Amino acid sequence: MTTQIPSIAGADGRRLHPAVAGIPIEFRLAFHAFAAYLDRRVPEVPASAAAGVLDDLVVLFAQAAGGGIPLRRVVGTDPAQVAEALLANHADVSCNASARADLARAIDAVVG
């Protein structure tokens, strides 16, 4: 695992960012998909950059959920583009096409 995010365990045993527990389930599932994307991404994402991205993402998801904005509107049709845009704020790294496709499939599974 390349990321080392301060976390708590969720009911399913997966590790959660502390603020994730307070957001709706579809946003939590999407958060896990983004965390997995960052974790499997090549080249590796520095832990500090991944932590920054996940912090930004949980704030974005909490605001969207609180405002009644659907997940698909937040992540769009290319969720990896969102991940890469957030990552660009925290690190200078390029992306991996396979990881992008996996993230897109995970989000599709959540919101259809």
Protein backbone atom coordinates (compact mmCIF):
# COMPACT_ATOMS: atom_id res chain seq x y z
CA MET A 1 0.00 0.00 0.00
CA THR A 2 1.48 3.34 -1.01
CA THR A 3 -0.77 5.64 1.00
CA GLN A 4 -0.72 5.98 4.75
CA ILE A 5 -3.89 7.84 5.63
CA PRO A 6 -4.89 8.38 9.27
CA SER A 7 -8.04 6.31 9.49
CA ILE A 8 -10.57 4.33 11.46
CA ALA A 9 -12.07 0.96 10.55
CA GLY A 10 -15.51 0.93 8.98
CA ALA A 11 -18.18 -1.66 9.71
CA ASP A 12 -16.95 -3.70 6.75
CA GLY A 13 -13.39 -3.73 8.11
CA ARG A 14 -12.01 -1.36 5.49
CA ARG A 15 -10.08 1.63 6.73
CA LEU A 16 -11.87 4.97 6.52
CA HIS A 17 -10.77 8.56 6.57
CA PRO A 18 -12.20 9.85 9.87
CA ALA A 19 -14.68 12.24 8.22
CA VAL A 20 -16.02 9.65 5.77
CA ALA A 21 -18.26 8.05 8.37
CA GLY A 22 -20.56 11.09 8.26
CA ILE A 23 -21.34 11.08 4.55
CA PRO A 24 -23.97 9.02 2.67
CA ILE A 25 -23.07 5.49 1.61
CA GLU A 26 -22.71 6.19 -2.12
CA PHE A 27 -20.19 8.92 -1.34
CA ARG A 28 -18.36 6.58 1.08
CA LEU A 29 -18.16 3.90 -1.61
CA ALA A 30 -16.89 6.47 -4.09
CA PHE A 31 -14.33 7.63 -1.53
CA HIS A 32 -13.06 4.05 -1.24
CA ALA A 33 -12.85 3.83 -5.03
CA PHE A 34 -10.79 7.03 -5.16
CA ALA A 35 -8.53 5.79 -2.34
CA ALA A 36 -8.02 2.53 -4.24
CA TYR A 37 -7.20 4.50 -7.39
CA LEU A 38 -4.53 6.48 -5.56
CA ASP A 39 -3.23 3.31 -3.92
CA ARG A 40 -2.85 1.39 -7.20
CA ARG A 41 -1.76 4.29 -9.36
CA VAL A 42 1.56 4.07 -11.21
CA PRO A 43 3.76 5.92 -10.62
CA GLU A 44 3.08 5.74 -6.91
CA VAL A 45 1.46 8.67 -5.20
CA PRO A 46 3.43 10.06 -2.24
CA ALA A 47 1.55 9.45 1.02
CA SER A 48 1.37 13.16 1.81
CA ALA A 49 -0.14 13.90 -1.61
CA ALA A 50 -2.67 11.07 -1.27
CA ALA A 51 -3.65 12.34 2.17
CA GLY A 52 -4.18 15.82 0.74
CA VAL A 53 -6.31 14.48 -2.11
CA LEU A 54 -8.44 12.40 0.23
CA ASP A 55 -8.87 15.34 2.62
CA ASP A 56 -10.03 17.50 -0.31
CA LEU A 57 -12.28 14.74 -1.57
CA VAL A 58 -14.06 14.15 1.72
CA VAL A 59 -14.76 17.90 2.01
CA LEU A 60 -16.05 17.97 -1.58
CA PHE A 61 -18.24 14.91 -1.00
CA ALA A 62 -19.61 16.23 2.31
CA GLN A 63 -20.51 19.55 0.70
CA ALA A 64 -22.14 17.84 -2.28
CA ALA A 65 -24.11 15.44 -0.09
CA GLY A 66 -25.20 18.30 2.16
CA GLY A 67 -26.33 20.28 -0.86
CA GLY A 68 -28.21 17.38 -2.41
CA ILE A 69 -25.84 17.20 -5.39
CA PRO A 70 -25.76 13.69 -6.90
CA LEU A 71 -22.46 11.84 -6.87
CA ARG A 72 -22.39 11.56 -10.67
CA ARG A 73 -22.56 15.36 -10.95
CA VAL A 74 -19.57 15.63 -8.63
CA VAL A 75 -17.34 13.02 -10.29
CA GLY A 76 -18.63 13.29 -13.86
CA THR A 77 -18.12 10.59 -16.48
CA ASP A 78 -14.35 10.45 -15.95
CA PRO A 79 -13.78 10.29 -12.18
CA ALA A 80 -10.06 9.79 -12.71
CA GLN A 81 -9.96 13.29 -14.17
CA VAL A 82 -11.28 14.55 -10.81
CA ALA A 83 -8.68 12.49 -8.94
CA GLU A 84 -5.89 13.75 -11.18
CA ALA A 85 -7.04 17.37 -10.85
CA LEU A 86 -7.03 17.05 -7.05
CA LEU A 87 -3.68 15.27 -7.17
CA ALA A 88 -2.18 18.06 -9.29
CA ASN A 89 -2.77 20.34 -6.29
CA HIS A 90 -0.59 18.12 -4.11
CA ALA A 91 2.04 16.44 -6.31
CA ASP A 92 3.60 16.56 -9.76
CA VAL A 93 2.89 13.06 -11.10
CA SER A 94 1.49 11.51 -14.29
CA CYS A 95 -1.39 9.00 -14.46
CA ASN A 96 -2.02 5.34 -15.36
CA ALA A 97 -4.70 4.37 -17.90
CA SER A 98 -5.52 1.05 -16.21
CA ALA A 99 -6.09 2.67 -12.83
CA ARG A 100 -8.28 5.32 -14.51
CA ALA A 101 -10.47 2.62 -16.07
CA ASP A 102 -10.77 0.77 -12.74
CA LEU A 103 -11.90 3.96 -10.98
CA ALA A 104 -14.47 4.68 -13.68
CA ARG A 105 -15.90 1.15 -13.36
CA ALA A 106 -16.07 1.45 -9.56
CA ILE A 107 -17.98 4.73 -9.76
CA ASP A 108 -20.29 3.30 -12.43
CA ALA A 109 -21.06 0.42 -10.08
CA VAL A 110 -22.04 2.89 -7.36
CA VAL A 111 -24.18 5.29 -9.39
CA GLY A 112 -24.87 3.44 -12.62
